[in-house]
Every structure is written in structure tokens, then in C-alpha cells.
Amino acid sequence: MSRDTFVGSVLIFVLIFGCVLPSDTYFTEQKSVCLFNVPFSCSKEMPQVYNKDGVAYVQITLINMFGKNVKIHGISCVEKNFEAPSQSTAIEYETTLESNGNATYGPINCLDKTGKPLRLQSNAKFNGKIVVWYNYENDAEGIGTRFATASLITTVK
């Protein structure tokens, strides 16, 4: 192989490698997803997870799909590995969300699996849960607080 052929081959390899490497990010970017296991919805306006002084916070717009009014008592944002968040982890709200209505809540600080503030930088992947503590407006006295959980995967702003 001549020197010119070798140099030409290396140059072509560098050009091809340089073009393909940046395109890898297009295939690995993940779309934001927010899915509840009961008829709240959070996907009309995707929840925003953002970094404030190195700590992750979320702002979420909930849509009430129950067909009746619900009283929102609190909302938690936790890392995916957080086993069973209790209502004590929630940011308290005492509001009524009307049937088919929507409301925005936040900022809500996100917690890591140990219950401490979740430290994430901008552009990091957030993979966690949103827990909404609520009751139907007409629940009988003595009924415990209900909760609904959403899985949230998004990029920290």
C-alpha cells in the first residue's frame, strides 16, 4: 500500500467517524413520558423537572379525568427507586380540582431514595415518580387519603 493510499484511507476513516459519532445522540435521546395508573393525566403539558441550585424540582399540570371533583392534599416527587413514599413526603396542597379541570402545582422538590433532596444537574435524565394524595369531594368521613402514582421520565432543564 502506498503512502498516499494509506493517508487517504485514514482521512476517509476520520471523516466518516467524525460524521457518525455526533449522530449517536439523535438515537439515544429519550422523549419525555408521564403516565398515571389512574385517571389523572399529566401528558397534555409535560411536567417540567428543573435544576435550582443543584436540586431537582418539578412543576406539573394535572388533569382530573375522574368525572367528579377531587380534593388534592399533596404531591410528592421521588426518584424511581424510592420504595413507598408516604404523605409526609408531599408538598401540601388543599385545593379542589374540578371534574375535567386542570391545575398547575409546583415547585415541588424531588427526593432521592433516602428521602433527601435529589441532586441532579441540567440535562441529566430524571426517572422518577409523581405521587398525588387526594380524596373524592364526596368521600365519606373516615375514608383514608387515596393516592395515584405517575411514572415520569424526562430531561432536567
N, C-alpha and C. Protein backbone atom coordinates (compact mmCIF):
# COMPACT_ATOMS: atom_id res chain seq x y z
N MET A 1 0.86 -1.16 0.00
CA MET A 1 0.00 0.00 0.00
C MET A 1 0.91 1.23 0.00
N SER A 2 0.60 2.14 -0.89
CA SER A 2 1.43 3.34 -0.97
C SER A 2 1.06 4.31 0.15
N ARG A 3 1.98 5.22 0.34
CA ARG A 3 1.77 6.21 1.41
C ARG A 3 0.52 7.04 1.13
N ASP A 4 0.29 7.44 -0.11
CA ASP A 4 -0.88 8.25 -0.47
C ASP A 4 -2.18 7.49 -0.23
N THR A 5 -2.19 6.20 -0.53
CA THR A 5 -3.37 5.38 -0.31
C THR A 5 -3.65 5.27 1.18
N PHE A 6 -2.60 5.06 1.97
CA PHE A 6 -2.74 4.94 3.42
C PHE A 6 -3.29 6.25 4.01
N VAL A 7 -2.71 7.38 3.64
CA VAL A 7 -3.15 8.68 4.15
C VAL A 7 -4.60 8.94 3.72
N GLY A 8 -4.93 8.60 2.50
CA GLY A 8 -6.30 8.79 2.01
C GLY A 8 -7.29 7.93 2.78
N SER A 9 -6.90 6.69 3.08
CA SER A 9 -7.77 5.80 3.86
C SER A 9 -7.99 6.33 5.26
N VAL A 10 -6.93 6.81 5.90
CA VAL A 10 -7.05 7.36 7.25
C VAL A 10 -7.93 8.60 7.22
N LEU A 11 -7.77 9.46 6.23
CA LEU A 11 -8.59 10.67 6.11
C LEU A 11 -10.06 10.32 5.93
N ILE A 12 -10.37 9.35 5.10
CA ILE A 12 -11.76 8.92 4.90
C ILE A 12 -12.32 8.35 6.20
N PHE A 13 -11.54 7.52 6.90
CA PHE A 13 -11.98 6.95 8.18
C PHE A 13 -12.30 8.07 9.19
N VAL A 14 -11.43 9.06 9.30
CA VAL A 14 -11.64 10.17 10.23
C VAL A 14 -12.90 10.95 9.85
N LEU A 15 -13.12 11.21 8.60
CA LEU A 15 -14.31 11.94 8.15
C LEU A 15 -15.59 11.15 8.46
N ILE A 16 -15.60 9.88 8.15
CA ILE A 16 -16.78 9.05 8.41
C ILE A 16 -17.02 8.94 9.91
N PHE A 17 -15.99 8.66 10.68
CA PHE A 17 -16.12 8.54 12.13
C PHE A 17 -16.60 9.86 12.73
N GLY A 18 -16.09 10.97 12.26
CA GLY A 18 -16.48 12.29 12.75
C GLY A 18 -17.93 12.62 12.43
N CYS A 19 -18.46 12.11 11.33
CA CYS A 19 -19.86 12.36 10.97
C CYS A 19 -20.81 11.43 11.71
N VAL A 20 -20.40 10.21 11.95
CA VAL A 20 -21.27 9.23 12.60
C VAL A 20 -21.34 9.45 14.10
N LEU A 21 -20.24 9.80 14.74
CA LEU A 21 -20.21 9.94 16.20
C LEU A 21 -21.23 10.95 16.72
N PRO A 22 -21.33 12.17 16.18
CA PRO A 22 -22.33 13.10 16.73
C PRO A 22 -23.76 12.63 16.50
N SER A 23 -24.02 11.86 15.45
CA SER A 23 -25.39 11.43 15.18
C SER A 23 -25.88 10.40 16.20
N ASP A 24 -24.96 9.82 16.98
CA ASP A 24 -25.34 8.86 18.00
C ASP A 24 -26.30 9.48 19.02
N THR A 25 -26.14 10.77 19.29
CA THR A 25 -27.02 11.43 20.27
C THR A 25 -28.45 11.49 19.78
N TYR A 26 -28.67 11.50 18.48
CA TYR A 26 -30.04 11.52 17.95
C TYR A 26 -30.76 10.22 18.24
N PHE A 27 -30.03 9.14 18.33
CA PHE A 27 -30.64 7.84 18.57
C PHE A 27 -30.79 7.53 20.05
N THR A 28 -30.06 8.20 20.91
CA THR A 28 -30.13 7.90 22.34
C THR A 28 -31.00 8.88 23.11
N GLU A 29 -31.40 10.01 22.50
CA GLU A 29 -32.26 10.95 23.21
C GLU A 29 -33.61 10.28 23.50
N GLN A 30 -34.12 10.54 24.67
CA GLN A 30 -35.36 9.92 25.07
C GLN A 30 -36.44 10.98 25.18
N LYS A 31 -37.60 10.66 24.66
CA LYS A 31 -38.73 11.57 24.78
C LYS A 31 -39.21 11.58 26.22
N SER A 32 -39.86 12.67 26.60
CA SER A 32 -40.43 12.75 27.94
C SER A 32 -41.71 11.94 28.01
N VAL A 33 -41.92 11.25 29.13
CA VAL A 33 -43.09 10.42 29.33
C VAL A 33 -43.63 10.66 30.74
N CYS A 34 -44.96 10.79 30.85
CA CYS A 34 -45.61 10.90 32.14
C CYS A 34 -46.90 10.09 32.08
N LEU A 35 -46.96 9.00 32.86
CA LEU A 35 -48.11 8.09 32.81
C LEU A 35 -48.63 7.80 34.22
N PHE A 36 -49.92 8.07 34.44
CA PHE A 36 -50.57 7.74 35.70
C PHE A 36 -51.19 6.37 35.62
N ASN A 37 -51.36 5.72 36.79
CA ASN A 37 -52.02 4.41 36.83
C ASN A 37 -53.52 4.54 37.10
N VAL A 38 -54.02 5.74 37.29
CA VAL A 38 -55.46 6.01 37.45
C VAL A 38 -55.78 7.26 36.64
N PRO A 39 -57.06 7.59 36.52
CA PRO A 39 -57.43 8.65 35.56
C PRO A 39 -57.09 10.10 35.93
N PHE A 40 -55.90 10.36 36.41
CA PHE A 40 -55.33 11.70 36.30
C PHE A 40 -54.55 11.67 35.01
N SER A 41 -54.29 12.80 34.46
CA SER A 41 -53.43 12.87 33.29
C SER A 41 -52.41 13.98 33.52
N CYS A 42 -51.22 13.75 33.01
CA CYS A 42 -50.17 14.76 33.15
C CYS A 42 -49.43 14.95 31.83
N SER A 43 -50.00 14.46 30.74
CA SER A 43 -49.26 14.48 29.48
C SER A 43 -49.68 15.59 28.52
N LYS A 44 -50.75 16.32 28.83
CA LYS A 44 -51.14 17.41 27.93
C LYS A 44 -50.04 18.46 27.93
N GLU A 45 -49.63 18.88 29.12
CA GLU A 45 -48.47 19.74 29.30
C GLU A 45 -47.48 18.92 30.11
N MET A 46 -46.39 18.52 29.47
CA MET A 46 -45.43 17.64 30.12
C MET A 46 -44.85 18.31 31.36
N PRO A 47 -44.79 17.59 32.49
CA PRO A 47 -44.19 18.15 33.70
C PRO A 47 -42.75 18.60 33.43
N GLN A 48 -42.38 19.69 34.05
CA GLN A 48 -41.03 20.23 33.90
C GLN A 48 -40.21 19.92 35.15
N VAL A 49 -39.13 19.18 34.98
CA VAL A 49 -38.19 18.96 36.07
C VAL A 49 -37.03 19.91 35.80
N TYR A 50 -36.70 20.70 36.79
CA TYR A 50 -35.64 21.68 36.59
C TYR A 50 -34.69 21.72 37.78
N ASN A 51 -33.52 22.26 37.51
CA ASN A 51 -32.44 22.35 38.48
C ASN A 51 -32.44 23.75 39.08
N LYS A 52 -32.49 23.81 40.39
CA LYS A 52 -32.34 25.09 41.08
C LYS A 52 -31.30 24.86 42.17
N ASP A 53 -30.14 25.47 42.00
CA ASP A 53 -29.02 25.33 42.94
C ASP A 53 -28.63 23.86 43.14
N GLY A 54 -28.67 23.07 42.06
CA GLY A 54 -28.24 21.68 42.11
C GLY A 54 -29.29 20.70 42.60
N VAL A 55 -30.48 21.18 42.95
CA VAL A 55 -31.56 20.31 43.45
C VAL A 55 -32.66 20.25 42.39
N ALA A 56 -33.26 19.07 42.22
CA ALA A 56 -34.32 18.87 41.22
C ALA A 56 -35.68 19.25 41.80
N TYR A 57 -36.44 19.98 41.02
CA TYR A 57 -37.81 20.38 41.35
C TYR A 57 -38.69 20.04 40.16
N VAL A 58 -39.98 19.85 40.40
CA VAL A 58 -40.92 19.58 39.32
C VAL A 58 -42.09 20.56 39.40
N GLN A 59 -42.58 20.91 38.23
CA GLN A 59 -43.84 21.64 38.11
C GLN A 59 -44.72 20.80 37.21
N ILE A 60 -45.95 20.54 37.66
CA ILE A 60 -46.82 19.61 36.95
C ILE A 60 -48.22 20.19 36.80
N THR A 61 -48.80 19.99 35.62
CA THR A 61 -50.19 20.33 35.39
C THR A 61 -50.98 19.04 35.40
N LEU A 62 -51.88 18.90 36.37
CA LEU A 62 -52.74 17.71 36.49
C LEU A 62 -54.06 17.96 35.81
N ILE A 63 -54.56 16.96 35.14
CA ILE A 63 -55.90 16.99 34.57
C ILE A 63 -56.72 15.93 35.29
N ASN A 64 -57.88 16.32 35.81
CA ASN A 64 -58.76 15.41 36.54
C ASN A 64 -59.65 14.69 35.53
N MET A 65 -59.41 13.41 35.35
CA MET A 65 -60.18 12.59 34.40
C MET A 65 -61.20 11.70 35.12
N PHE A 66 -61.46 11.94 36.43
CA PHE A 66 -62.34 11.08 37.21
C PHE A 66 -63.81 11.22 36.88
N GLY A 67 -64.22 12.38 36.40
CA GLY A 67 -65.64 12.60 36.18
C GLY A 67 -66.32 13.17 37.42
N LYS A 68 -65.56 13.44 38.46
CA LYS A 68 -66.08 14.11 39.65
C LYS A 68 -64.95 14.89 40.30
N ASN A 69 -65.33 15.85 41.13
CA ASN A 69 -64.33 16.69 41.78
C ASN A 69 -63.47 15.89 42.74
N VAL A 70 -62.20 16.27 42.84
CA VAL A 70 -61.29 15.66 43.81
C VAL A 70 -60.61 16.76 44.62
N LYS A 71 -60.31 16.41 45.87
CA LYS A 71 -59.55 17.31 46.73
C LYS A 71 -58.11 16.85 46.71
N ILE A 72 -57.22 17.72 46.28
CA ILE A 72 -55.79 17.42 46.26
C ILE A 72 -55.23 17.81 47.63
N HIS A 73 -54.57 16.85 48.30
CA HIS A 73 -53.99 17.10 49.62
C HIS A 73 -52.49 17.34 49.56
N GLY A 74 -51.83 16.73 48.60
CA GLY A 74 -50.38 16.89 48.49
C GLY A 74 -49.83 16.17 47.28
N ILE A 75 -48.62 16.55 46.90
CA ILE A 75 -47.95 15.94 45.74
C ILE A 75 -46.49 15.71 46.11
N SER A 76 -46.01 14.50 45.81
CA SER A 76 -44.61 14.13 46.03
C SER A 76 -43.92 13.89 44.70
N CYS A 77 -42.65 14.19 44.66
CA CYS A 77 -41.79 13.87 43.52
C CYS A 77 -40.63 13.07 44.09
N VAL A 78 -40.47 11.83 43.63
CA VAL A 78 -39.44 10.96 44.18
C VAL A 78 -38.69 10.23 43.07
N GLU A 79 -37.48 9.87 43.38
CA GLU A 79 -36.66 9.07 42.49
C GLU A 79 -37.32 7.70 42.28
N LYS A 80 -37.10 7.09 41.13
CA LYS A 80 -37.72 5.80 40.80
C LYS A 80 -37.52 4.74 41.88
N ASN A 81 -36.34 4.70 42.50
CA ASN A 81 -36.02 3.66 43.48
C ASN A 81 -36.59 3.94 44.86
N PHE A 82 -37.29 5.04 45.05
CA PHE A 82 -37.91 5.35 46.34
C PHE A 82 -39.06 4.37 46.51
N GLU A 83 -38.97 3.50 47.51
CA GLU A 83 -39.90 2.38 47.64
C GLU A 83 -41.37 2.79 47.78
N ALA A 84 -41.74 3.39 48.89
CA ALA A 84 -43.15 3.69 49.15
C ALA A 84 -43.26 5.06 49.80
N PRO A 85 -43.35 6.10 49.01
CA PRO A 85 -43.45 7.43 49.62
C PRO A 85 -44.73 7.55 50.45
N SER A 86 -44.61 8.22 51.57
CA SER A 86 -45.79 8.46 52.40
C SER A 86 -46.24 9.90 52.19
N GLN A 87 -47.42 10.19 52.68
CA GLN A 87 -47.95 11.54 52.50
C GLN A 87 -47.06 12.57 53.20
N SER A 88 -46.25 12.13 54.16
CA SER A 88 -45.36 13.06 54.85
C SER A 88 -44.26 13.60 53.92
N THR A 89 -44.03 12.94 52.77
CA THR A 89 -43.04 13.43 51.81
C THR A 89 -43.62 14.47 50.87
N ALA A 90 -44.93 14.68 50.94
CA ALA A 90 -45.62 15.53 49.97
C ALA A 90 -45.53 17.01 50.31
N ILE A 91 -45.56 17.82 49.29
CA ILE A 91 -45.78 19.25 49.44
C ILE A 91 -47.29 19.40 49.58
N GLU A 92 -47.73 20.03 50.64
CA GLU A 92 -49.16 20.11 50.94
C GLU A 92 -49.89 21.09 50.04
N TYR A 93 -51.04 20.65 49.58
CA TYR A 93 -51.99 21.48 48.85
C TYR A 93 -53.34 21.11 49.41
N GLU A 94 -54.20 22.04 49.58
CA GLU A 94 -55.58 21.76 49.96
C GLU A 94 -56.46 22.50 48.96
N THR A 95 -56.55 21.91 47.77
CA THR A 95 -57.31 22.53 46.69
C THR A 95 -58.29 21.52 46.12
N THR A 96 -59.31 22.01 45.46
CA THR A 96 -60.27 21.16 44.76
C THR A 96 -59.98 21.25 43.26
N LEU A 97 -59.85 20.09 42.66
CA LEU A 97 -59.65 20.01 41.21
C LEU A 97 -60.95 19.51 40.62
N GLU A 98 -61.61 20.37 39.86
CA GLU A 98 -62.93 20.04 39.33
C GLU A 98 -62.84 18.95 38.27
N SER A 99 -63.97 18.27 38.10
CA SER A 99 -64.07 17.23 37.08
C SER A 99 -63.66 17.79 35.72
N ASN A 100 -62.77 17.10 35.04
CA ASN A 100 -62.23 17.50 33.74
C ASN A 100 -61.48 18.83 33.79
N GLY A 101 -61.19 19.31 34.98
CA GLY A 101 -60.42 20.54 35.13
C GLY A 101 -58.94 20.24 35.22
N ASN A 102 -58.15 21.29 35.19
CA ASN A 102 -56.72 21.13 35.34
C ASN A 102 -56.17 22.25 36.20
N ALA A 103 -55.05 21.98 36.82
CA ALA A 103 -54.36 22.96 37.66
C ALA A 103 -52.87 22.64 37.66
N THR A 104 -52.07 23.69 37.82
CA THR A 104 -50.62 23.54 37.85
C THR A 104 -50.13 23.63 39.29
N TYR A 105 -49.25 22.72 39.65
CA TYR A 105 -48.70 22.64 41.00
C TYR A 105 -47.18 22.69 40.91
N GLY A 106 -46.57 23.41 41.83
CA GLY A 106 -45.12 23.46 41.90
C GLY A 106 -44.65 24.83 42.33
N PRO A 107 -43.40 24.97 42.65
CA PRO A 107 -42.36 23.94 42.55
C PRO A 107 -42.47 22.90 43.67
N ILE A 108 -42.22 21.67 43.31
CA ILE A 108 -42.24 20.54 44.24
C ILE A 108 -40.83 19.95 44.25
N ASN A 109 -40.18 19.95 45.40
CA ASN A 109 -38.83 19.42 45.45
C ASN A 109 -38.87 17.89 45.32
N CYS A 110 -37.94 17.36 44.53
CA CYS A 110 -37.85 15.92 44.32
C CYS A 110 -36.90 15.32 45.34
N LEU A 111 -37.21 14.10 45.78
CA LEU A 111 -36.42 13.42 46.80
C LEU A 111 -35.72 12.20 46.22
N ASP A 112 -34.51 11.92 46.72
CA ASP A 112 -33.82 10.71 46.30
C ASP A 112 -34.33 9.53 47.11
N LYS A 113 -33.76 8.34 46.88
CA LYS A 113 -34.29 7.13 47.53
C LYS A 113 -34.11 7.13 49.05
N THR A 114 -33.27 8.03 49.58
CA THR A 114 -33.11 8.12 51.03
C THR A 114 -33.99 9.19 51.67
N GLY A 115 -34.76 9.91 50.83
CA GLY A 115 -35.63 10.97 51.35
C GLY A 115 -34.98 12.34 51.41
N LYS A 116 -33.77 12.44 50.90
CA LYS A 116 -33.07 13.73 50.86
C LYS A 116 -33.32 14.40 49.52
N PRO A 117 -33.09 15.73 49.43
CA PRO A 117 -33.28 16.42 48.14
C PRO A 117 -32.47 15.75 47.04
N LEU A 118 -33.11 15.51 45.91
CA LEU A 118 -32.48 14.86 44.76
C LEU A 118 -31.57 15.86 44.05
N ARG A 119 -30.31 15.51 43.93
CA ARG A 119 -29.34 16.40 43.30
C ARG A 119 -29.14 15.94 41.86
N LEU A 120 -29.61 16.76 40.93
CA LEU A 120 -29.43 16.49 39.50
C LEU A 120 -29.05 17.79 38.80
N GLN A 121 -28.17 17.70 37.85
CA GLN A 121 -27.77 18.86 37.07
C GLN A 121 -28.65 18.98 35.83
N SER A 122 -28.64 20.14 35.23
CA SER A 122 -29.36 20.35 33.97
C SER A 122 -28.87 19.35 32.93
N ASN A 123 -29.78 18.91 32.08
CA ASN A 123 -29.56 17.93 31.01
C ASN A 123 -29.39 16.50 31.50
N ALA A 124 -29.49 16.26 32.80
CA ALA A 124 -29.47 14.89 33.32
C ALA A 124 -30.84 14.26 33.08
N LYS A 125 -30.89 12.94 33.11
CA LYS A 125 -32.16 12.23 32.95
C LYS A 125 -32.82 12.07 34.32
N PHE A 126 -34.09 12.46 34.42
CA PHE A 126 -34.87 12.21 35.62
C PHE A 126 -35.75 11.01 35.34
N ASN A 127 -35.67 10.00 36.21
CA ASN A 127 -36.50 8.82 36.10
C ASN A 127 -37.12 8.63 37.49
N GLY A 128 -38.37 9.04 37.63
CA GLY A 128 -38.96 9.01 38.96
C GLY A 128 -40.46 8.87 38.94
N LYS A 129 -41.05 9.23 40.09
CA LYS A 129 -42.50 9.09 40.26
C LYS A 129 -43.07 10.39 40.82
N ILE A 130 -44.28 10.66 40.41
CA ILE A 130 -45.08 11.73 40.99
C ILE A 130 -46.23 11.02 41.73
N VAL A 131 -46.42 11.36 42.99
CA VAL A 131 -47.50 10.76 43.78
C VAL A 131 -48.45 11.88 44.19
N VAL A 132 -49.73 11.71 43.85
CA VAL A 132 -50.76 12.69 44.18
C VAL A 132 -51.63 12.09 45.27
N TRP A 133 -51.75 12.81 46.40
CA TRP A 133 -52.57 12.39 47.54
C TRP A 133 -53.88 13.15 47.42
N TYR A 134 -55.02 12.42 47.38
CA TYR A 134 -56.30 13.05 47.10
C TYR A 134 -57.45 12.28 47.74
N ASN A 135 -58.62 12.88 47.70
CA ASN A 135 -59.89 12.22 48.02
C ASN A 135 -60.94 12.76 47.07
N TYR A 136 -61.96 11.93 46.83
CA TYR A 136 -63.12 12.45 46.11
C TYR A 136 -63.81 13.46 46.99
N GLU A 137 -64.38 14.47 46.38
CA GLU A 137 -65.02 15.52 47.15
C GLU A 137 -66.15 14.97 48.03
N ASN A 138 -66.79 13.90 47.58
CA ASN A 138 -67.91 13.34 48.34
C ASN A 138 -67.55 12.06 49.12
N ASP A 139 -66.25 11.82 49.37
CA ASP A 139 -65.85 10.66 50.18
C ASP A 139 -66.45 10.75 51.58
N ALA A 140 -66.86 9.62 52.11
CA ALA A 140 -67.41 9.58 53.47
C ALA A 140 -66.29 9.84 54.47
N GLU A 141 -66.66 10.37 55.62
CA GLU A 141 -65.68 10.59 56.69
C GLU A 141 -65.05 9.25 57.07
N GLY A 142 -63.79 9.29 57.43
CA GLY A 142 -63.10 8.08 57.84
C GLY A 142 -62.42 7.34 56.71
N ILE A 143 -62.74 7.71 55.47
CA ILE A 143 -62.03 7.11 54.32
C ILE A 143 -60.62 7.69 54.32
N GLY A 144 -59.64 6.86 54.23
CA GLY A 144 -58.25 7.34 54.21
C GLY A 144 -57.95 8.11 52.94
N THR A 145 -56.82 8.76 52.95
CA THR A 145 -56.39 9.52 51.77
C THR A 145 -56.00 8.54 50.68
N ARG A 146 -56.50 8.79 49.50
CA ARG A 146 -56.17 7.98 48.32
C ARG A 146 -54.89 8.53 47.70
N PHE A 147 -54.24 7.72 46.87
CA PHE A 147 -53.10 8.25 46.13
C PHE A 147 -53.03 7.65 44.74
N ALA A 148 -52.47 8.41 43.83
CA ALA A 148 -52.25 7.98 42.45
C ALA A 148 -50.79 8.23 42.12
N THR A 149 -50.19 7.31 41.39
CA THR A 149 -48.76 7.40 41.06
C THR A 149 -48.56 7.50 39.57
N ALA A 150 -47.69 8.39 39.17
CA ALA A 150 -47.30 8.53 37.77
C ALA A 150 -45.82 8.22 37.62
N SER A 151 -45.47 7.58 36.54
CA SER A 151 -44.06 7.41 36.18
C SER A 151 -43.68 8.60 35.31
N LEU A 152 -42.55 9.20 35.62
CA LEU A 152 -42.09 10.37 34.87
C LEU A 152 -40.65 10.16 34.46
N ILE A 153 -40.42 10.24 33.15
CA ILE A 153 -39.07 10.20 32.59
C ILE A 153 -38.92 11.44 31.73
N THR A 154 -37.93 12.25 32.06
CA THR A 154 -37.72 13.48 31.29
C THR A 154 -36.30 13.98 31.50
N THR A 155 -35.96 15.03 30.82
CA THR A 155 -34.65 15.65 30.97
C THR A 155 -34.76 16.87 31.87
N VAL A 156 -33.82 17.00 32.78
CA VAL A 156 -33.81 18.14 33.70
C VAL A 156 -33.45 19.40 32.93
N LYS A 157 -34.22 20.44 33.11
CA LYS A 157 -33.99 21.73 32.43
C LYS A 157 -32.97 22.54 33.20
